[in-house]
Amino acid sequence: MTRERSRILCLGGLHWDWVQCCQDKPIPGESNPVCTTRVPGGVALNIATALSNLGCEVGLASRVGRDDNGRRLLDHLESRDIQPVALELDSEAATGSYTAVLDERGELVIGLADMTIYDRLSVEHWQKHQAQLKPWDAWCVDSNLPDPALEYLATLPDSPRLYAVATSPAKVPRLGAVLTRLDTLFLNIREAAMLTGRDSAGLGGALQQAQRLRDQGLNQVLITVGAEGVAWADCDECGTVTAPQAATGNVSGAGDALAAAATATLEQNHSLRTAARWGLSAGIVSAQSDRLQTALSWTSLEHIVELIDD
């Protein structure tokens, strides 16, 4: 697949991730032994890093505290060749954090988000930095941004292509008001249920959810179903992509890798069906690696793509 270098600005989460992996099956209400790691995280950062590894020119717009945690994140961006864009240090709010508790299989048990700093990414903030936002080929926003900011960005005249990534069932309703303004939406089956008001399960259920969201006016949507695969729908067709049986591992962050690879593929003018296959491959590589960005490259995805049937 011939690739040109895309210029993509990610807007949203930039914070520290605490990942706690249970050594045995977790017992609710009891003390459970874990192994703990701390890494730079946030959906926008995860996607920006993956896009950079895939050869894109990448910027990141967010907000961190004027504290040691914030300064270390700025150093991290520089080390990953990610441009800080409209990124301010906040003297009144602390840098955000996210704690993921995983079971012995790497499945998320509970996620704990301390991210009130993102509520300060107001419309006024984006208005002030509008000149820095426009020159990019595409924006990829996550639902950590507050509702007014998302609506402002989505309705800005002459704006770039707009991709959106849901961050949780609690925050995905923020995207409801801008669905018809999005080029593509990435979310999981639980998050899709929050937008459609109807629960579902499995790839078949995800396909139905994708069709419902398309009927609500969404241009393109890709819904993940854990290790099973993904469902997708655009204006003309829809379908599912089933993951190979070997697709197991730590799924924390796999959805971000999937969204990044799918976005990069779409930016090369490929179909959503093709993007779903490459995105699923990235999710699998992420789940099977120690940390989502470490092994992500087009070369690492090629042998997985060959195993995927759709």
C-alpha atoms as a PDB file:
ATOM      1  CA  MET A   1       0.000   0.000   0.000  1.00  0.00           C
ATOM      2  CA  THR A   2       1.588   3.295  -1.157  1.00  0.00           C
ATOM      3  CA  ARG A   3       1.517   5.916   1.599  1.00  0.00           C
ATOM      4  CA  GLU A   4       1.977   9.672   1.666  1.00  0.00           C
ATOM      5  CA  ARG A   5       2.740  11.503   4.899  1.00  0.00           C
ATOM      6  CA  SER A   6      -0.464  12.805   6.470  1.00  0.00           C
ATOM      7  CA  ARG A   7      -0.581  15.749   8.898  1.00  0.00           C
ATOM      8  CA  ILE A   8      -2.958  14.948  11.759  1.00  0.00           C
ATOM      9  CA  LEU A   9      -3.697  16.972  14.895  1.00  0.00           C
ATOM     10  CA  CYS A  10      -4.960  15.045  17.925  1.00  0.00           C
ATOM     11  CA  LEU A  11      -7.036  16.948  20.486  1.00  0.00           C
ATOM     12  CA  GLY A  12      -7.848  15.586  23.941  1.00  0.00           C
ATOM     13  CA  GLY A  13      -6.308  13.483  26.671  1.00  0.00           C
ATOM     14  CA  LEU A  14      -2.683  13.920  27.784  1.00  0.00           C
ATOM     15  CA  HIS A  15      -2.052  12.556  31.259  1.00  0.00           C
ATOM     16  CA  TRP A  16      -0.401   9.743  33.214  1.00  0.00           C
ATOM     17  CA  ASP A  17      -1.724   6.188  33.043  1.00  0.00           C
ATOM     18  CA  TRP A  18      -1.354   3.896  36.039  1.00  0.00           C
ATOM     19  CA  VAL A  19      -1.773   0.299  34.891  1.00  0.00           C
ATOM     20  CA  GLN A  20      -2.295  -2.278  37.645  1.00  0.00           C
ATOM     21  CA  CYS A  21      -2.324  -5.919  36.521  1.00  0.00           C
ATOM     22  CA  CYS A  22      -3.726  -8.487  38.945  1.00  0.00           C
ATOM     23  CA  GLN A  23      -1.424 -11.465  39.387  1.00  0.00           C
ATOM     24  CA  ASP A  24      -4.365 -13.814  39.924  1.00  0.00           C
ATOM     25  CA  LYS A  25      -8.114 -13.688  39.335  1.00  0.00           C
ATOM     26  CA  PRO A  26      -9.292 -10.554  41.207  1.00  0.00           C
ATOM     27  CA  ILE A  27     -11.488 -11.049  44.265  1.00  0.00           C
ATOM     28  CA  PRO A  28     -13.963  -8.168  44.780  1.00  0.00           C
ATOM     29  CA  GLY A  29     -13.845  -6.586  48.224  1.00  0.00           C
ATOM     30  CA  GLU A  30     -10.440  -8.058  49.034  1.00  0.00           C
ATOM     31  CA  SER A  31      -6.802  -7.030  48.727  1.00  0.00           C
ATOM     32  CA  ASN A  32      -5.377  -8.281  45.409  1.00  0.00           C
ATOM     33  CA  PRO A  33      -1.666  -8.457  44.534  1.00  0.00           C
ATOM     34  CA  VAL A  34      -0.832  -6.433  41.405  1.00  0.00           C
ATOM     35  CA  CYS A  35       2.083  -5.300  39.281  1.00  0.00           C
ATOM     36  CA  THR A  36       1.992  -1.522  38.695  1.00  0.00           C
ATOM     37  CA  THR A  37       3.433   0.582  35.899  1.00  0.00           C
ATOM     38  CA  ARG A  38       3.119   4.294  35.131  1.00  0.00           C
ATOM     39  CA  VAL A  39       3.325   5.523  31.554  1.00  0.00           C
ATOM     40  CA  PRO A  40       2.317   8.649  29.622  1.00  0.00           C
ATOM     41  CA  GLY A  41      -1.235   8.173  28.400  1.00  0.00           C
ATOM     42  CA  GLY A  42      -4.509   9.672  27.320  1.00  0.00           C
ATOM     43  CA  VAL A  43      -6.467   8.677  24.226  1.00  0.00           C
ATOM     44  CA  ALA A  44      -5.213  11.655  22.197  1.00  0.00           C
ATOM     45  CA  LEU A  45      -1.602  10.947  23.182  1.00  0.00           C
ATOM     46  CA  ASN A  46      -1.922   7.221  22.486  1.00  0.00           C
ATOM     47  CA  ILE A  47      -3.325   7.916  19.034  1.00  0.00           C
ATOM     48  CA  ALA A  48      -0.763  10.637  18.321  1.00  0.00           C
ATOM     49  CA  THR A  49       2.099   8.313  19.250  1.00  0.00           C
ATOM     50  CA  ALA A  50       0.745   5.495  17.115  1.00  0.00           C
ATOM     51  CA  LEU A  51       0.225   7.857  14.168  1.00  0.00           C
ATOM     52  CA  SER A  52       3.791   9.131  14.534  1.00  0.00           C
ATOM     53  CA  ASN A  53       5.091   5.554  14.512  1.00  0.00           C
ATOM     54  CA  LEU A  54       3.087   4.983  11.323  1.00  0.00           C
ATOM     55  CA  GLY A  55       4.866   7.841   9.591  1.00  0.00           C
ATOM     56  CA  CYS A  56       2.385  10.678  10.031  1.00  0.00           C
ATOM     57  CA  GLU A  57       3.289  14.235  11.017  1.00  0.00           C
ATOM     58  CA  VAL A  58       1.466  14.658  14.309  1.00  0.00           C
ATOM     59  CA  GLY A  59       0.481  17.437  16.683  1.00  0.00           C
ATOM     60  CA  LEU A  60      -1.237  17.259  20.073  1.00  0.00           C
ATOM     61  CA  ALA A  61      -3.533  19.868  21.588  1.00  0.00           C
ATOM     62  CA  SER A  62      -4.390  19.413  25.265  1.00  0.00           C
ATOM     63  CA  ARG A  63      -3.859  20.871  28.736  1.00  0.00           C
ATOM     64  CA  VAL A  64      -1.583  19.826  31.612  1.00  0.00           C
ATOM     65  CA  GLY A  65      -0.895  21.199  35.062  1.00  0.00           C
ATOM     66  CA  ARG A  66       1.971  23.535  35.817  1.00  0.00           C
ATOM     67  CA  ASP A  67       3.532  20.734  37.841  1.00  0.00           C
ATOM     68  CA  ASP A  68       6.230  18.092  37.564  1.00  0.00           C
ATOM     69  CA  ASN A  69       3.828  15.616  35.950  1.00  0.00           C
ATOM     70  CA  GLY A  70       2.921  18.150  33.280  1.00  0.00           C
ATOM     71  CA  ARG A  71       6.512  19.104  32.524  1.00  0.00           C
ATOM     72  CA  ARG A  72       7.486  15.439  32.177  1.00  0.00           C
ATOM     73  CA  LEU A  73       4.682  14.964  29.648  1.00  0.00           C
ATOM     74  CA  LEU A  74       5.994  17.876  27.569  1.00  0.00           C
ATOM     75  CA  ASP A  75       9.434  16.239  27.606  1.00  0.00           C
ATOM     76  CA  HIS A  76       7.789  13.007  26.475  1.00  0.00           C
ATOM     77  CA  LEU A  77       6.145  14.724  23.494  1.00  0.00           C
ATOM     78  CA  GLU A  78       9.514  16.058  22.382  1.00  0.00           C
ATOM     79  CA  SER A  79      11.076  12.600  22.635  1.00  0.00           C
ATOM     80  CA  ARG A  80       8.305  11.148  20.442  1.00  0.00           C
ATOM     81  CA  ASP A  81       8.470  13.881  17.779  1.00  0.00           C
ATOM     82  CA  ILE A  82       4.923  15.051  18.559  1.00  0.00           C
ATOM     83  CA  GLN A  83       4.356  18.794  18.171  1.00  0.00           C
ATOM     84  CA  PRO A  84       2.613  20.548  21.093  1.00  0.00           C
ATOM     85  CA  VAL A  85      -0.178  22.687  19.624  1.00  0.00           C
ATOM     86  CA  ALA A  86      -2.385  25.051  21.661  1.00  0.00           C
ATOM     87  CA  LEU A  87      -1.027  23.241  24.723  1.00  0.00           C
ATOM     88  CA  GLU A  88      -1.121  25.340  27.888  1.00  0.00           C
ATOM     89  CA  LEU A  89       0.127  24.728  31.422  1.00  0.00           C
ATOM     90  CA  ASP A  90      -2.615  25.266  34.000  1.00  0.00           C
ATOM     91  CA  SER A  91      -1.665  26.882  37.318  1.00  0.00           C
ATOM     92  CA  GLU A  92      -4.969  26.002  39.002  1.00  0.00           C
ATOM     93  CA  ALA A  93      -5.576  22.370  37.974  1.00  0.00           C
ATOM     94  CA  ALA A  94      -3.331  19.330  38.326  1.00  0.00           C
ATOM     95  CA  THR A  95      -2.257  17.150  35.407  1.00  0.00           C
ATOM     96  CA  GLY A  96      -4.804  14.408  34.796  1.00  0.00           C
ATOM     97  CA  SER A  97      -4.401  10.714  35.569  1.00  0.00           C
ATOM     98  CA  TYR A  98      -6.070   7.426  34.668  1.00  0.00           C
ATOM     99  CA  THR A  99      -5.830   4.171  36.589  1.00  0.00           C
ATOM    100  CA  ALA A 100      -6.611   0.916  34.764  1.00  0.00           C
ATOM    101  CA  VAL A 101      -7.056  -2.222  36.866  1.00  0.00           C
ATOM    102  CA  LEU A 102      -6.645  -5.326  34.702  1.00  0.00           C
ATOM    103  CA  ASP A 103      -7.431  -8.922  35.560  1.00  0.00           C
ATOM    104  CA  GLU A 104      -4.971 -11.789  35.150  1.00  0.00           C
ATOM    105  CA  ARG A 105      -5.858 -12.046  31.434  1.00  0.00           C
ATOM    106  CA  GLY A 106      -5.272  -8.349  30.743  1.00  0.00           C
ATOM    107  CA  GLU A 107      -8.989  -7.478  30.551  1.00  0.00           C
ATOM    108  CA  LEU A 108     -10.063  -4.171  32.083  1.00  0.00           C
ATOM    109  CA  VAL A 109     -11.809  -4.613  35.443  1.00  0.00           C
ATOM    110  CA  ILE A 110     -12.316  -0.930  36.192  1.00  0.00           C
ATOM    111  CA  GLY A 111     -10.924   2.374  34.984  1.00  0.00           C
ATOM    112  CA  LEU A 112     -10.583   5.393  37.276  1.00  0.00           C
ATOM    113  CA  ALA A 113     -10.296   8.807  35.629  1.00  0.00           C
ATOM    114  CA  ASP A 114      -9.129  11.992  37.389  1.00  0.00           C
ATOM    115  CA  MET A 115      -9.442  14.400  34.461  1.00  0.00           C
ATOM    116  CA  THR A 116     -11.238  17.536  35.582  1.00  0.00           C
ATOM    117  CA  ILE A 117      -8.474  19.601  33.962  1.00  0.00           C
ATOM    118  CA  TYR A 118     -10.013  18.891  30.544  1.00  0.00           C
ATOM    119  CA  ASP A 119     -13.180  20.736  31.540  1.00  0.00           C
ATOM    120  CA  ARG A 120     -11.025  23.869  31.302  1.00  0.00           C
ATOM    121  CA  LEU A 121     -10.510  23.343  27.543  1.00  0.00           C
ATOM    122  CA  SER A 122     -13.230  25.879  26.864  1.00  0.00           C
ATOM    123  CA  VAL A 123     -14.502  27.405  23.631  1.00  0.00           C
ATOM    124  CA  GLU A 124     -12.452  30.504  24.483  1.00  0.00           C
ATOM    125  CA  HIS A 125      -9.288  28.387  24.595  1.00  0.00           C
ATOM    126  CA  TRP A 126      -9.854  27.055  21.073  1.00  0.00           C
ATOM    127  CA  GLN A 127     -10.853  30.471  19.750  1.00  0.00           C
ATOM    128  CA  LYS A 128      -7.571  31.895  21.036  1.00  0.00           C
ATOM    129  CA  HIS A 129      -5.556  29.187  19.274  1.00  0.00           C
ATOM    130  CA  GLN A 130      -7.650  28.850  16.107  1.00  0.00           C
ATOM    131  CA  ALA A 131      -4.791  29.861  13.797  1.00  0.00           C
ATOM    132  CA  GLN A 132      -2.717  26.888  15.021  1.00  0.00           C
ATOM    133  CA  LEU A 133      -5.543  24.413  14.379  1.00  0.00           C
ATOM    134  CA  LYS A 134      -6.431  25.135  10.759  1.00  0.00           C
ATOM    135  CA  PRO A 135      -3.269  24.097   8.801  1.00  0.00           C
ATOM    136  CA  TRP A 136      -3.627  20.339   9.499  1.00  0.00           C
ATOM    137  CA  ASP A 137      -5.038  17.760   7.053  1.00  0.00           C
ATOM    138  CA  ALA A 138      -7.263  16.234   9.734  1.00  0.00           C
ATOM    139  CA  TRP A 139      -8.252  16.493  13.383  1.00  0.00           C
ATOM    140  CA  CYS A 140      -8.777  13.545  15.694  1.00  0.00           C
ATOM    141  CA  VAL A 141     -10.691  14.566  18.821  1.00  0.00           C
ATOM    142  CA  ASP A 142     -11.463  12.428  21.844  1.00  0.00           C
ATOM    143  CA  SER A 143     -14.487  12.752  24.100  1.00  0.00           C
ATOM    144  CA  ASN A 144     -12.439  14.090  27.006  1.00  0.00           C
ATOM    145  CA  LEU A 145     -13.196  17.526  25.540  1.00  0.00           C
ATOM    146  CA  PRO A 146     -16.259  19.246  27.045  1.00  0.00           C
ATOM    147  CA  ASP A 147     -19.477  19.491  25.030  1.00  0.00           C
ATOM    148  CA  PRO A 148     -19.192  23.193  24.075  1.00  0.00           C
ATOM    149  CA  ALA A 149     -15.633  22.711  22.814  1.00  0.00           C
ATOM    150  CA  LEU A 150     -16.603  19.716  20.692  1.00  0.00           C
ATOM    151  CA  GLU A 151     -19.511  21.610  19.164  1.00  0.00           C
ATOM    152  CA  TYR A 152     -17.326  24.639  18.472  1.00  0.00           C
ATOM    153  CA  LEU A 153     -14.625  22.574  16.744  1.00  0.00           C
ATOM    154  CA  ALA A 154     -17.147  20.514  14.774  1.00  0.00           C
ATOM    155  CA  THR A 155     -18.908  23.607  13.396  1.00  0.00           C
ATOM    156  CA  LEU A 156     -15.854  25.736  12.668  1.00  0.00           C
ATOM    157  CA  PRO A 157     -15.971  26.846   8.996  1.00  0.00           C
ATOM    158  CA  ASP A 158     -13.328  25.449   6.618  1.00  0.00           C
ATOM    159  CA  SER A 159     -12.042  23.021   9.237  1.00  0.00           C
ATOM    160  CA  PRO A 160     -10.077  19.860   8.361  1.00  0.00           C
ATOM    161  CA  ARG A 161     -11.568  16.361   8.233  1.00  0.00           C
ATOM    162  CA  LEU A 162     -12.834  15.414  11.678  1.00  0.00           C
ATOM    163  CA  TYR A 163     -12.334  12.010  13.299  1.00  0.00           C
ATOM    164  CA  ALA A 164     -13.618  11.297  16.806  1.00  0.00           C
ATOM    165  CA  VAL A 165     -12.746   8.622  19.358  1.00  0.00           C
ATOM    166  CA  ALA A 166     -14.971   7.798  22.328  1.00  0.00           C
ATOM    167  CA  THR A 167     -13.114   7.497  25.637  1.00  0.00           C
ATOM    168  CA  SER A 168     -15.791   5.885  27.839  1.00  0.00           C
ATOM    169  CA  PRO A 169     -19.529   5.175  28.056  1.00  0.00           C
ATOM    170  CA  ALA A 170     -19.781   8.078  30.509  1.00  0.00           C
ATOM    171  CA  LYS A 171     -18.319  10.616  28.066  1.00  0.00           C
ATOM    172  CA  VAL A 172     -19.512   9.346  24.677  1.00  0.00           C
ATOM    173  CA  PRO A 173     -22.852  11.244  24.908  1.00  0.00           C
ATOM    174  CA  ARG A 174     -20.803  14.413  24.389  1.00  0.00           C
ATOM    175  CA  LEU A 175     -20.401  13.321  20.771  1.00  0.00           C
ATOM    176  CA  GLY A 176     -24.138  12.952  20.199  1.00  0.00           C
ATOM    177  CA  ALA A 177     -24.662  16.562  19.169  1.00  0.00           C
ATOM    178  CA  VAL A 178     -21.894  16.468  16.536  1.00  0.00           C
ATOM    179  CA  LEU A 179     -22.457  13.055  14.920  1.00  0.00           C
ATOM    180  CA  THR A 180     -23.484  14.487  11.553  1.00  0.00           C
ATOM    181  CA  ARG A 181     -20.365  16.696  11.502  1.00  0.00           C
ATOM    182  CA  LEU A 182     -17.900  13.805  11.901  1.00  0.00           C
ATOM    183  CA  ASP A 183     -16.041  12.132   9.087  1.00  0.00           C
ATOM    184  CA  THR A 184     -15.571   8.938  11.121  1.00  0.00           C
ATOM    185  CA  LEU A 185     -16.369   7.819  14.678  1.00  0.00           C
ATOM    186  CA  PHE A 186     -14.488   5.090  16.575  1.00  0.00           C
ATOM    187  CA  LEU A 187     -16.065   3.519  19.663  1.00  0.00           C
ATOM    188  CA  ASN A 188     -16.743   0.198  21.372  1.00  0.00           C
ATOM    189  CA  ILE A 189     -20.029  -1.660  21.600  1.00  0.00           C
ATOM    190  CA  ARG A 190     -20.854  -0.359  25.103  1.00  0.00           C
ATOM    191  CA  GLU A 191     -20.271   3.216  24.001  1.00  0.00           C
ATOM    192  CA  ALA A 192     -22.398   2.663  20.897  1.00  0.00           C
ATOM    193  CA  ALA A 193     -25.280   1.555  23.110  1.00  0.00           C
ATOM    194  CA  MET A 194     -25.130   4.895  24.936  1.00  0.00           C
ATOM    195  CA  LEU A 195     -25.672   6.738  21.635  1.00  0.00           C
ATOM    196  CA  THR A 196     -28.398   4.485  20.236  1.00  0.00           C
ATOM    197  CA  GLY A 197     -30.199   3.709  23.504  1.00  0.00           C
ATOM    198  CA  ARG A 198     -30.199  -0.016  22.683  1.00  0.00           C
ATOM    199  CA  ASP A 199     -27.964  -2.718  24.147  1.00  0.00           C
ATOM    200  CA  SER A 200     -26.411  -5.397  21.960  1.00  0.00           C
ATOM    201  CA  ALA A 201     -23.718  -8.062  22.053  1.00  0.00           C
ATOM    202  CA  GLY A 202     -21.257  -9.692  19.681  1.00  0.00           C
ATOM    203  CA  LEU A 203     -20.233  -8.735  16.180  1.00  0.00           C
ATOM    204  CA  GLY A 204     -23.796  -9.093  14.900  1.00  0.00           C
ATOM    205  CA  GLY A 205     -25.034  -6.692  17.549  1.00  0.00           C
ATOM    206  CA  ALA A 206     -22.222  -4.260  16.768  1.00  0.00           C
ATOM    207  CA  LEU A 207     -23.178  -4.333  13.097  1.00  0.00           C
ATOM    208  CA  GLN A 208     -26.749  -3.423  14.001  1.00  0.00           C
ATOM    209  CA  GLN A 209     -25.457  -0.573  16.156  1.00  0.00           C
ATOM    210  CA  ALA A 210     -23.286   0.666  13.301  1.00  0.00           C
ATOM    211  CA  GLN A 211     -26.308   0.683  10.993  1.00  0.00           C
ATOM    212  CA  ARG A 212     -28.379   2.574  13.575  1.00  0.00           C
ATOM    213  CA  LEU A 213     -25.698   5.240  13.940  1.00  0.00           C
ATOM    214  CA  ARG A 214     -25.456   5.540  10.176  1.00  0.00           C
ATOM    215  CA  ASP A 215     -29.227   6.031  10.070  1.00  0.00           C
ATOM    216  CA  GLN A 216     -28.807   8.854  12.607  1.00  0.00           C
ATOM    217  CA  GLY A 217     -26.705  10.697  10.041  1.00  0.00           C
ATOM    218  CA  LEU A 218     -23.191   9.539  10.896  1.00  0.00           C
ATOM    219  CA  ASN A 219     -20.972   9.360   7.819  1.00  0.00           C
ATOM    220  CA  GLN A 220     -18.719   6.462   8.866  1.00  0.00           C
ATOM    221  CA  VAL A 221     -18.447   4.419  12.054  1.00  0.00           C
ATOM    222  CA  LEU A 222     -16.233   1.620  13.320  1.00  0.00           C
ATOM    223  CA  ILE A 223     -17.319  -0.312  16.450  1.00  0.00           C
ATOM    224  CA  THR A 224     -14.972  -2.628  18.347  1.00  0.00           C
ATOM    225  CA  VAL A 225     -16.091  -5.799  20.141  1.00  0.00           C
ATOM    226  CA  GLY A 226     -13.064  -6.716  22.243  1.00  0.00           C
ATOM    227  CA  ALA A 227     -11.180  -9.748  20.943  1.00  0.00           C
ATOM    228  CA  GLU A 228     -14.009 -10.678  18.531  1.00  0.00           C
ATOM    229  CA  GLY A 229     -13.292  -8.005  15.935  1.00  0.00           C
ATOM    230  CA  VAL A 230     -14.969  -4.888  14.548  1.00  0.00           C
ATOM    231  CA  ALA A 231     -18.137  -3.822  12.759  1.00  0.00           C
ATOM    232  CA  TRP A 232     -18.245  -0.909  10.343  1.00  0.00           C
ATOM    233  CA  ALA A 233     -20.709   1.072   8.281  1.00  0.00           C
ATOM    234  CA  ASP A 234     -20.482   3.945   5.824  1.00  0.00           C
ATOM    235  CA  CYS A 235     -23.014   5.647   3.589  1.00  0.00           C
ATOM    236  CA  ASP A 236     -23.021   2.813   1.037  1.00  0.00           C
ATOM    237  CA  GLU A 237     -22.320  -0.477   2.795  1.00  0.00           C
ATOM    238  CA  CYS A 238     -21.496  -2.187   6.075  1.00  0.00           C
ATOM    239  CA  GLY A 239     -19.806  -5.312   7.386  1.00  0.00           C
ATOM    240  CA  THR A 240     -17.732  -7.003  10.057  1.00  0.00           C
ATOM    241  CA  VAL A 241     -14.095  -8.047  10.368  1.00  0.00           C
ATOM    242  CA  THR A 242     -13.377 -11.037  12.593  1.00  0.00           C
ATOM    243  CA  ALA A 243     -10.144 -11.191  14.581  1.00  0.00           C
ATOM    244  CA  PRO A 244      -7.908 -14.271  14.249  1.00  0.00           C
ATOM    245  CA  GLN A 245      -8.155 -16.711  17.147  1.00  0.00           C
ATOM    246  CA  ALA A 246      -4.680 -15.719  18.347  1.00  0.00           C
ATOM    247  CA  ALA A 247      -5.825 -12.169  19.113  1.00  0.00           C
ATOM    248  CA  THR A 248      -5.438 -12.212  22.903  1.00  0.00           C
ATOM    249  CA  GLY A 249      -3.423 -10.184  25.392  1.00  0.00           C
ATOM    250  CA  ASN A 250      -3.545  -6.859  27.233  1.00  0.00           C
ATOM    251  CA  VAL A 251      -6.386  -4.968  25.571  1.00  0.00           C
ATOM    252  CA  SER A 252      -5.743  -1.704  27.464  1.00  0.00           C
ATOM    253  CA  GLY A 253      -5.060   0.840  24.735  1.00  0.00           C
ATOM    254  CA  ALA A 254      -5.712  -1.571  21.857  1.00  0.00           C
ATOM    255  CA  GLY A 255      -8.714   0.486  20.755  1.00  0.00           C
ATOM    256  CA  ASP A 256      -6.520   3.582  20.489  1.00  0.00           C
ATOM    257  CA  ALA A 257      -4.045   1.738  18.261  1.00  0.00           C
ATOM    258  CA  LEU A 258      -6.962   0.522  16.136  1.00  0.00           C
ATOM    259  CA  ALA A 259      -8.336   4.042  15.728  1.00  0.00           C
ATOM    260  CA  ALA A 260      -4.897   5.403  14.827  1.00  0.00           C
ATOM    261  CA  ALA A 261      -4.160   2.833  12.128  1.00  0.00           C
ATOM    262  CA  ALA A 262      -7.672   3.123  10.695  1.00  0.00           C
ATOM    263  CA  THR A 263      -7.388   6.925  10.601  1.00  0.00           C
ATOM    264  CA  ALA A 264      -3.993   6.752   8.893  1.00  0.00           C
ATOM    265  CA  THR A 265      -5.448   4.330   6.327  1.00  0.00           C
ATOM    266  CA  LEU A 266      -8.470   6.542   5.641  1.00  0.00           C
ATOM    267  CA  GLU A 267      -6.169   9.524   5.190  1.00  0.00           C
ATOM    268  CA  GLN A 268      -4.591   7.592   2.305  1.00  0.00           C
ATOM    269  CA  ASN A 269      -8.019   7.559   0.589  1.00  0.00           C
ATOM    270  CA  HIS A 270      -8.724   3.879   1.257  1.00  0.00           C
ATOM    271  CA  SER A 271     -12.192   2.527   2.047  1.00  0.00           C
ATOM    272  CA  LEU A 272     -13.570   2.095   5.551  1.00  0.00           C
ATOM    273  CA  ARG A 273     -13.550  -1.668   4.947  1.00  0.00           C
ATOM    274  CA  THR A 274      -9.795  -1.564   4.295  1.00  0.00           C
ATOM    275  CA  ALA A 275      -9.280   0.764   7.266  1.00  0.00           C
ATOM    276  CA  ALA A 276     -11.135  -1.681   9.507  1.00  0.00           C
ATOM    277  CA  ARG A 277      -8.742  -4.493   8.565  1.00  0.00           C
ATOM    278  CA  TRP A 278      -5.610  -2.435   9.164  1.00  0.00           C
ATOM    279  CA  GLY A 279      -7.091  -0.981  12.352  1.00  0.00           C
ATOM    280  CA  LEU A 280      -7.937  -4.411  13.729  1.00  0.00           C
ATOM    281  CA  SER A 281      -4.396  -5.548  12.925  1.00  0.00           C
ATOM    282  CA  ALA A 282      -3.025  -2.623  14.952  1.00  0.00           C
ATOM    283  CA  GLY A 283      -5.291  -3.496  17.879  1.00  0.00           C
ATOM    284  CA  ILE A 284      -4.005  -7.071  17.812  1.00  0.00           C
ATOM    285  CA  VAL A 285      -0.351  -6.010  17.677  1.00  0.00           C
ATOM    286  CA  SER A 286      -0.981  -3.615  20.563  1.00  0.00           C
ATOM    287  CA  ALA A 287      -2.702  -6.266  22.683  1.00  0.00           C
ATOM    288  CA  GLN A 288       0.164  -8.695  22.149  1.00  0.00           C
ATOM    289  CA  SER A 289       2.923  -6.183  22.974  1.00  0.00           C
ATOM    290  CA  ASP A 290       4.067  -4.868  26.339  1.00  0.00           C
ATOM    291  CA  ARG A 291       2.808  -1.358  25.636  1.00  0.00           C
ATOM    292  CA  LEU A 292       0.561  -0.230  22.831  1.00  0.00           C
ATOM    293  CA  GLN A 293       3.023   1.819  20.764  1.00  0.00           C
ATOM    294  CA  THR A 294       6.179  -0.271  21.154  1.00  0.00           C
ATOM    295  CA  ALA A 295       5.713  -2.611  18.191  1.00  0.00           C
ATOM    296  CA  LEU A 296       3.367  -0.548  16.014  1.00  0.00           C
ATOM    297  CA  SER A 297       4.576  -0.024  12.430  1.00  0.00           C
ATOM    298  CA  TRP A 298       3.172  -0.785   8.997  1.00  0.00           C
ATOM    299  CA  THR A 299       5.599  -3.693   8.732  1.00  0.00           C
ATOM    300  CA  SER A 300       4.396  -5.174  12.015  1.00  0.00           C
ATOM    301  CA  LEU A 301       0.790  -4.978  10.782  1.00  0.00           C
ATOM    302  CA  GLU A 302       1.240  -6.580   7.380  1.00  0.00           C
ATOM    303  CA  HIS A 303       1.448 -10.206   8.509  1.00  0.00           C
ATOM    304  CA  ILE A 304      -1.652  -9.758  10.717  1.00  0.00           C
ATOM    305  CA  VAL A 305      -3.660  -8.220   7.864  1.00  0.00           C
ATOM    306  CA  GLU A 306      -2.959 -11.328   5.786  1.00  0.00           C
ATOM    307  CA  LEU A 307      -4.633 -13.498   8.463  1.00  0.00           C
ATOM    308  CA  ILE A 308      -7.837 -11.461   8.620  1.00  0.00           C
ATOM    309  CA  ASP A 309     -10.945 -12.466   6.689  1.00  0.00           C
ATOM    310  CA  ASP A 310     -13.831 -10.068   6.185  1.00  0.00           C
END
